[in-house]
Amino acid sequence: MRYIRKTARYNGKKYEATGKIELEALQKLAEKLAAAKRGEEVVGGSMTVDAWYKEWKALYKDPKGLTPKSLRMYDEKYKNYIKPRVGHLKLRDVRDVHLQRILNDQAGKSSSHVKKLRMVMQEMFKRARQSRLIPFDPAELLELPATAAGGHRSITAEERAAILTVAETHRAGLWVLTLLYTGMRPDETAALVWSDVDFARNEIHVHAARESGTGTIKAPKTAAGVRDIPIHAALLPKLRAAQGNPIAPVFPTQAGNRQNENSLRRLWKGFLRDLDIYMGAEVYRNQIITSVVAPDLTPYCLRHTFCSDLQRAGVPINVAKELMGHADIQTTANIYTHRNQDTLHGNMALLDGTSKEAKGGGKNGGNTKQV
């Protein structure tokens, strides 16, 4: 989207404003000129942090082409955490201790949240320093407090058994099984059409994804996202039974359209409800009174499980990286190094000679497993 920029001079100083339409830009410019005539400095160290955030976001974020979801993240971090503490302060009066206290109060929360909060503060104040509105950057050396490990987890054996059973009859079942047996990202499944399911080669061709926060289908964020995933033997007959028109979505909405962010959320919520009931949730008048499903069970847990299953099967980490579509092998390694008792016991058996492989009784006659 192109933004319209309007400028004007008052007392020898240039003022500018941007807007999606000319009227919006003119209104913003008029507000700045009115403030200048009242003797208020519009852009400078004496402006409040709140005023600077609005100016900074309008000048450096809104025109950048970020997704609506990314823009909402900036607003959420600023309005909920930064503004209540320092929004009223003059820009030049903010010190590192003010910002460090904001971060320290997030101790114990997810690492992703705390890192994003620090990022917003650092981007805001770095630009203020570069624009010479303040003499130093109070966010430059902010330190992260201790945070929750966060991330996603593998499903338990009990969850797996229940998921496989519920998936047999639930309308979201094929989608859920595809997440579990391919490790695809939910946004990648939303872009999948039947021509991408190559039954002749027994592969699913992943080459597109729904852009987060929008309904736009585009190439994956990195080249690693483009990949061919062999179809799991348990998934193959279910895909064959559901096969549709080559250009039709593999996982359509009830209206036959592509899934969007909201419809995927509803699809998972509906599956989770049936899963909860199957696992023993207390229900009264068709309402779940006492849930038994873990609150951290999300679609990404199925992707994480796929990677963990690759590890348990002895798939080399470099191959797992390709199947997962990770751009950095360290991302795969973070999952491969998660504590798993079966893997620990299996490797100890290799060490002490009690495993079939160590005794030469494996399928490959003691040779390294090939995948």
Protein backbone atom coordinates (compact mmCIF):
# COMPACT_ATOMS: atom_id res chain seq x y z
CA MET A 1 0.00 0.00 0.00
CA ARG A 2 1.35 3.45 -0.94
CA TYR A 3 1.21 6.13 1.72
CA ILE A 4 0.61 9.78 0.92
CA ARG A 5 3.05 12.23 2.49
CA LYS A 6 2.24 15.89 3.10
CA THR A 7 4.67 18.57 4.25
CA ALA A 8 4.50 22.19 5.39
CA ARG A 9 6.76 24.80 6.98
CA TYR A 10 6.14 26.90 10.06
CA ASN A 11 8.67 29.38 11.48
CA GLY A 12 11.29 27.97 9.14
CA LYS A 13 10.83 24.37 10.31
CA LYS A 14 9.55 21.55 8.11
CA TYR A 15 6.70 19.33 9.31
CA GLU A 16 5.45 16.20 7.58
CA ALA A 17 2.76 13.58 8.00
CA THR A 18 1.69 10.43 6.17
CA GLY A 19 -1.68 8.79 5.63
CA LYS A 20 -3.37 6.06 3.63
CA ILE A 21 -5.43 8.75 1.89
CA GLU A 22 -4.80 12.43 1.27
CA LEU A 23 -7.39 13.56 3.82
CA GLU A 24 -5.77 11.50 6.58
CA ALA A 25 -2.32 12.94 5.81
CA LEU A 26 -3.69 16.49 5.75
CA GLN A 27 -5.47 16.02 9.07
CA LYS A 28 -2.32 14.71 10.73
CA LEU A 29 -0.31 17.59 9.30
CA ALA A 30 -2.89 20.10 10.54
CA GLU A 31 -2.62 18.63 14.04
CA LYS A 32 1.16 19.00 14.00
CA LEU A 33 0.97 22.59 12.78
CA ALA A 34 -1.62 23.42 15.42
CA ALA A 35 0.62 21.96 18.12
CA ALA A 36 3.56 23.96 16.80
CA LYS A 37 1.53 27.17 16.90
CA ARG A 38 0.61 26.44 20.51
CA GLY A 39 4.32 26.33 21.27
CA GLU A 40 4.53 22.57 21.58
CA GLU A 41 7.50 20.95 19.90
CA VAL A 42 6.10 18.20 17.67
CA VAL A 43 9.22 16.11 17.12
CA GLY A 44 12.00 16.43 19.65
CA GLY A 45 13.29 15.28 22.98
CA SER A 46 10.57 17.18 24.83
CA MET A 47 7.77 15.18 23.20
CA THR A 48 6.30 12.34 25.24
CA VAL A 49 7.16 8.71 24.64
CA ASP A 50 3.53 8.21 23.66
CA ALA A 51 3.74 10.92 21.00
CA TRP A 52 7.02 9.49 19.73
CA TYR A 53 5.60 5.96 19.44
CA LYS A 54 2.76 7.21 17.24
CA GLU A 55 5.17 9.24 15.11
CA TRP A 56 7.74 6.45 14.88
CA LYS A 57 5.18 3.80 13.95
CA ALA A 58 3.55 6.02 11.31
CA LEU A 59 6.89 6.94 9.72
CA TYR A 60 8.91 3.74 10.02
CA LYS A 61 6.51 0.81 10.44
CA ASP A 62 3.15 1.49 8.76
CA PRO A 63 4.68 2.17 5.30
CA LYS A 64 7.06 -0.79 5.51
CA GLY A 65 4.62 -3.40 4.23
CA LEU A 66 4.47 -5.42 7.45
CA THR A 67 1.57 -7.81 7.87
CA PRO A 68 -1.40 -6.66 9.97
CA LYS A 69 -0.41 -9.30 12.53
CA SER A 70 3.10 -7.81 12.88
CA LEU A 71 1.72 -4.29 13.23
CA ARG A 72 -0.70 -5.48 15.90
CA MET A 73 2.24 -6.99 17.79
CA TYR A 74 3.90 -3.53 18.04
CA ASP A 75 0.67 -1.97 19.31
CA GLU A 76 0.06 -4.79 21.79
CA LYS A 77 3.54 -4.56 23.34
CA TYR A 78 3.49 -0.77 23.49
CA LYS A 79 -0.05 -0.22 24.78
CA ASN A 80 -0.02 -3.04 27.35
CA TYR A 81 3.51 -2.81 28.73
CA ILE A 82 5.44 0.29 27.67
CA LYS A 83 2.83 3.04 27.65
CA PRO A 84 1.52 2.48 31.20
CA ARG A 85 5.05 2.89 32.61
CA VAL A 86 6.80 5.51 30.48
CA GLY A 87 4.26 6.77 27.95
CA HIS A 88 3.78 10.02 29.88
CA LEU A 89 7.51 10.76 30.23
CA LYS A 90 9.37 13.12 27.96
CA LEU A 91 11.48 11.19 25.49
CA ARG A 92 14.72 12.73 26.76
CA ASP A 93 13.89 11.81 30.38
CA VAL A 94 13.66 8.05 29.83
CA ARG A 95 16.54 6.09 31.37
CA ASP A 96 17.63 2.51 30.97
CA VAL A 97 16.40 1.67 34.48
CA HIS A 98 12.83 2.61 33.47
CA LEU A 99 12.91 0.16 30.59
CA GLN A 100 14.79 -2.56 32.44
CA ARG A 101 12.10 -2.55 35.13
CA ILE A 102 9.47 -3.13 32.44
CA LEU A 103 11.40 -6.16 31.24
CA ASN A 104 12.11 -7.48 34.72
CA ASP A 105 8.39 -7.47 35.49
CA GLN A 106 7.95 -10.00 32.66
CA ALA A 107 10.20 -12.55 34.37
CA GLY A 108 8.76 -16.04 34.10
CA LYS A 109 6.71 -15.27 31.00
CA SER A 110 7.46 -16.77 27.59
CA SER A 111 10.81 -16.05 26.04
CA SER A 112 9.14 -15.02 22.78
CA HIS A 113 7.01 -12.36 24.52
CA VAL A 114 9.92 -10.86 26.45
CA LYS A 115 12.21 -10.77 23.40
CA LYS A 116 9.55 -9.04 21.31
CA LEU A 117 8.94 -6.49 24.06
CA ARG A 118 12.65 -5.69 24.21
CA MET A 119 12.78 -5.49 20.41
CA VAL A 120 10.01 -2.86 20.31
CA MET A 121 11.75 -0.72 22.92
CA GLN A 122 15.11 -1.03 21.22
CA GLU A 123 13.73 -0.16 17.78
CA MET A 124 11.84 2.87 19.15
CA PHE A 125 14.71 4.39 21.08
CA LYS A 126 17.43 3.50 18.60
CA ARG A 127 15.60 5.51 15.94
CA ALA A 128 15.11 8.40 18.39
CA ARG A 129 18.88 8.41 19.01
CA GLN A 130 19.71 8.16 15.30
CA SER A 131 17.34 11.08 14.65
CA ARG A 132 19.20 13.04 17.36
CA LEU A 133 16.06 13.51 19.40
CA ILE A 134 17.83 12.12 22.48
CA PRO A 135 21.54 12.16 23.40
CA PHE A 136 21.77 8.44 24.22
CA ASP A 137 19.79 5.23 23.67
CA PRO A 138 18.33 3.95 26.97
CA ALA A 139 17.28 0.62 25.41
CA GLU A 140 20.64 -0.30 23.89
CA LEU A 141 21.92 -2.54 26.70
CA LEU A 142 18.67 -3.97 28.06
CA GLU A 143 19.08 -7.46 29.52
CA LEU A 144 16.51 -10.23 29.35
CA PRO A 145 15.20 -11.59 32.66
CA ALA A 146 14.75 -15.28 33.29
CA THR A 147 11.89 -16.54 31.12
CA ALA A 148 9.85 -19.67 30.70
CA ALA A 149 11.33 -22.15 28.27
CA GLY A 150 8.30 -21.73 26.07
CA GLY A 151 8.17 -23.40 22.72
CA HIS A 152 6.05 -26.37 21.75
CA ARG A 153 6.18 -29.91 23.01
CA SER A 154 5.58 -33.39 21.73
CA ILE A 155 2.27 -35.03 22.49
CA THR A 156 2.14 -37.78 25.12
CA ALA A 157 1.39 -41.41 24.35
CA GLU A 158 -2.09 -40.97 25.86
CA GLU A 159 -2.74 -37.86 23.74
CA ARG A 160 -1.53 -39.64 20.61
CA ALA A 161 -3.86 -42.58 21.12
CA ALA A 162 -6.82 -40.28 21.72
CA ILE A 163 -5.98 -38.03 18.76
CA LEU A 164 -5.74 -41.00 16.39
CA THR A 165 -9.12 -42.30 17.56
CA VAL A 166 -10.97 -38.97 17.39
CA ALA A 167 -9.41 -38.21 13.99
CA GLU A 168 -11.13 -41.25 12.51
CA THR A 169 -14.56 -39.60 12.64
CA HIS A 170 -14.00 -35.85 13.13
CA ARG A 171 -14.23 -33.55 10.10
CA ALA A 172 -10.84 -32.08 11.06
CA GLY A 173 -9.33 -35.57 11.29
CA LEU A 174 -7.51 -35.59 7.95
CA TRP A 175 -6.01 -32.17 8.68
CA VAL A 176 -4.87 -33.21 12.15
CA LEU A 177 -3.31 -36.44 10.85
CA THR A 178 -1.53 -34.50 8.10
CA LEU A 179 0.01 -32.20 10.70
CA LEU A 180 1.09 -35.23 12.73
CA TYR A 181 2.47 -37.31 9.86
CA THR A 182 4.11 -34.56 7.75
CA GLY A 183 5.18 -31.92 10.26
CA MET A 184 3.71 -29.22 8.02
CA ARG A 185 2.99 -25.80 9.48
CA PRO A 186 -0.74 -24.97 9.76
CA ASP A 187 -0.32 -22.07 7.31
CA GLU A 188 1.28 -24.47 4.82
CA THR A 189 -1.70 -26.83 5.02
CA ALA A 190 -4.01 -23.88 4.29
CA ALA A 191 -2.23 -23.36 0.95
CA LEU A 192 -2.22 -27.04 -0.05
CA VAL A 193 -4.26 -28.05 -3.12
CA TRP A 194 -4.73 -31.56 -4.47
CA SER A 195 -2.24 -31.07 -7.30
CA ASP A 196 0.40 -30.72 -4.56
CA VAL A 197 -0.35 -34.25 -3.37
CA ASP A 198 1.67 -36.38 -5.78
CA PHE A 199 0.36 -39.93 -5.46
CA ALA A 200 2.59 -41.14 -8.31
CA ARG A 201 5.74 -40.15 -6.41
CA ASN A 202 4.17 -40.63 -2.96
CA GLU A 203 5.08 -37.06 -1.99
CA ILE A 204 3.48 -33.86 -0.83
CA HIS A 205 5.01 -30.83 -2.54
CA VAL A 206 5.16 -27.85 -0.17
CA HIS A 207 5.80 -24.61 -2.01
CA ALA A 208 3.38 -22.05 -0.55
CA ALA A 209 1.85 -20.90 2.72
CA ARG A 210 -0.86 -18.55 3.88
CA GLU A 211 0.75 -15.34 5.05
CA SER A 212 0.24 -14.93 8.78
CA GLY A 213 -2.44 -12.38 9.58
CA THR A 214 -3.78 -12.29 6.01
CA GLY A 215 -5.46 -14.58 3.50
CA THR A 216 -2.66 -14.14 0.97
CA ILE A 217 -1.03 -17.31 -0.37
CA LYS A 218 2.66 -16.76 -1.06
CA ALA A 219 5.99 -18.56 -1.10
CA PRO A 220 7.37 -19.69 2.27
CA LYS A 221 9.45 -17.16 4.22
CA THR A 222 12.67 -19.03 3.42
CA ALA A 223 13.84 -21.27 0.60
CA ALA A 224 14.02 -24.15 3.09
CA GLY A 225 10.23 -24.07 3.32
CA VAL A 226 9.97 -25.40 -0.23
CA ARG A 227 10.30 -29.16 0.14
CA ASP A 228 8.90 -32.58 -0.78
CA ILE A 229 7.62 -34.70 2.08
CA PRO A 230 7.17 -38.45 1.54
CA ILE A 231 3.64 -39.52 2.47
CA HIS A 232 3.44 -41.58 5.66
CA ALA A 233 1.96 -45.06 5.12
CA ALA A 234 -0.79 -44.38 7.65
CA LEU A 235 -1.77 -41.13 5.91
CA LEU A 236 -1.70 -42.35 2.30
CA PRO A 237 -5.04 -44.25 2.17
CA LYS A 238 -6.85 -41.40 3.92
CA LEU A 239 -5.57 -38.87 1.39
CA ARG A 240 -6.55 -41.18 -1.48
CA ALA A 241 -10.06 -41.53 -0.10
CA ALA A 242 -10.47 -37.76 0.14
CA GLN A 243 -8.81 -36.86 -3.19
CA GLY A 244 -10.53 -34.00 -5.01
CA ASN A 245 -10.16 -31.64 -7.95
CA PRO A 246 -6.49 -30.74 -8.62
CA ILE A 247 -7.07 -27.05 -7.93
CA ALA A 248 -9.33 -27.59 -4.89
CA PRO A 249 -7.94 -27.07 -1.39
CA VAL A 250 -7.06 -30.29 0.41
CA PHE A 251 -8.57 -28.92 3.63
CA PRO A 252 -11.50 -26.73 2.58
CA THR A 253 -13.91 -24.84 4.78
CA GLN A 254 -17.51 -26.06 4.83
CA ALA A 255 -18.15 -23.58 2.01
CA GLY A 256 -15.34 -25.16 -0.03
CA ASN A 257 -12.90 -22.25 0.31
CA ARG A 258 -9.34 -22.11 1.58
CA GLN A 259 -8.91 -22.03 5.33
CA ASN A 260 -8.01 -18.68 6.88
CA GLU A 261 -6.61 -17.88 10.31
CA ASN A 262 -10.03 -17.81 11.99
CA SER A 263 -11.40 -20.92 10.29
CA LEU A 264 -8.27 -22.92 11.18
CA ARG A 265 -8.66 -21.78 14.77
CA ARG A 266 -12.29 -22.94 14.77
CA LEU A 267 -11.30 -26.24 13.14
CA TRP A 268 -8.77 -26.94 15.89
CA LYS A 269 -11.15 -25.77 18.62
CA GLY A 270 -13.84 -28.16 17.38
CA PHE A 271 -11.39 -31.06 17.27
CA LEU A 272 -10.05 -30.17 20.71
CA ARG A 273 -13.57 -30.21 22.16
CA ASP A 274 -14.27 -33.73 20.90
CA LEU A 275 -10.83 -34.84 22.03
CA ASP A 276 -11.51 -33.41 25.50
CA ILE A 277 -14.80 -35.27 25.77
CA TYR A 278 -13.22 -38.51 24.52
CA MET A 279 -10.46 -38.20 27.13
CA GLY A 280 -12.98 -37.86 29.95
CA ALA A 281 -13.98 -34.22 30.30
CA GLU A 282 -17.01 -33.54 32.50
CA VAL A 283 -19.91 -32.36 30.37
CA TYR A 284 -23.19 -30.81 31.51
CA ARG A 285 -25.91 -29.76 29.06
CA ASN A 286 -23.47 -30.02 26.18
CA GLN A 287 -21.00 -27.71 27.92
CA ILE A 288 -17.58 -28.86 29.13
CA ILE A 289 -17.50 -28.22 32.88
CA THR A 290 -14.15 -29.80 33.72
CA SER A 291 -11.59 -30.08 30.93
CA VAL A 292 -8.89 -32.75 30.93
CA VAL A 293 -6.99 -31.73 27.80
CA ALA A 294 -3.69 -29.98 28.51
CA PRO A 295 -3.99 -26.21 27.93
CA ASP A 296 -0.72 -26.14 25.98
CA LEU A 297 -1.87 -28.65 23.34
CA THR A 298 -1.77 -26.74 20.03
CA PRO A 299 -1.49 -27.66 16.34
CA TYR A 300 2.23 -26.90 16.53
CA CYS A 301 2.61 -29.71 19.08
CA LEU A 302 1.84 -32.10 16.21
CA ARG A 303 4.61 -30.57 14.11
CA HIS A 304 6.96 -30.86 17.08
CA THR A 305 5.90 -34.49 17.53
CA PHE A 306 6.72 -35.26 13.90
CA CYS A 307 10.27 -34.02 14.47
CA SER A 308 10.57 -36.00 17.70
CA ASP A 309 9.32 -39.11 15.88
CA LEU A 310 12.06 -38.61 13.28
CA GLN A 311 14.61 -38.54 16.08
CA ARG A 312 13.23 -41.71 17.68
CA ALA A 313 13.31 -43.44 14.30
CA GLY A 314 17.00 -42.62 13.96
CA VAL A 315 16.59 -40.15 11.09
CA PRO A 316 19.79 -38.07 10.76
CA ILE A 317 19.36 -34.49 11.89
CA ASN A 318 20.30 -33.05 8.48
CA VAL A 319 17.50 -35.07 6.86
CA ALA A 320 15.06 -34.00 9.57
CA LYS A 321 16.00 -30.38 8.88
CA GLU A 322 14.96 -30.79 5.24
CA LEU A 323 11.69 -32.54 6.08
CA MET A 324 10.78 -29.89 8.65
CA GLY A 325 11.64 -27.02 6.33
CA HIS A 326 13.96 -25.40 8.85
CA ALA A 327 16.32 -22.76 7.48
CA ASP A 328 18.74 -23.25 10.38
CA ILE A 329 19.77 -26.70 11.57
CA GLN A 330 20.00 -25.30 15.10
CA THR A 331 16.20 -25.08 15.11
CA THR A 332 16.04 -28.81 14.42
CA ALA A 333 18.74 -29.46 16.99
CA ASN A 334 16.70 -27.68 19.66
CA ILE A 335 14.01 -30.35 19.21
CA TYR A 336 16.43 -33.26 18.74
CA THR A 337 18.15 -32.42 22.02
CA HIS A 338 14.93 -32.33 24.06
CA ARG A 339 14.97 -34.91 26.83
CA ASN A 340 13.34 -38.16 25.73
CA GLN A 341 13.58 -41.20 27.97
CA ASP A 342 13.07 -43.74 25.16
CA THR A 343 15.93 -42.19 23.19
CA LEU A 344 18.16 -42.11 26.28
CA HIS A 345 17.51 -45.77 27.09
CA GLY A 346 17.95 -46.78 23.46
CA ASN A 347 21.33 -45.11 23.22
CA MET A 348 22.46 -46.54 26.55
CA ALA A 349 21.55 -49.97 25.19
CA LEU A 350 23.82 -49.29 22.23
CA LEU A 351 26.59 -48.37 24.65
CA ASP A 352 26.29 -51.36 26.96
CA GLY A 353 25.73 -53.87 24.14
CA THR A 354 22.22 -54.96 25.08
CA SER A 355 20.47 -53.55 22.00
CA LYS A 356 19.68 -55.66 18.94
CA GLU A 357 21.83 -53.37 16.80
CA ALA A 358 24.79 -53.78 19.12
CA LYS A 359 24.40 -57.57 18.99
CA GLY A 360 24.12 -57.53 15.21
CA GLY A 361 20.49 -58.58 15.34
CA GLY A 362 18.97 -55.45 13.79
CA LYS A 363 17.26 -55.37 10.44
CA ASN A 364 20.40 -54.00 8.87
CA GLY A 365 22.68 -56.58 10.40
CA GLY A 366 24.23 -54.13 12.82
CA ASN A 367 24.88 -51.46 10.21
CA THR A 368 23.90 -47.83 10.72
CA LYS A 369 20.25 -47.28 9.99
CA GLN A 370 19.65 -45.66 6.62
CA VAL A 371 16.66 -43.38 5.99
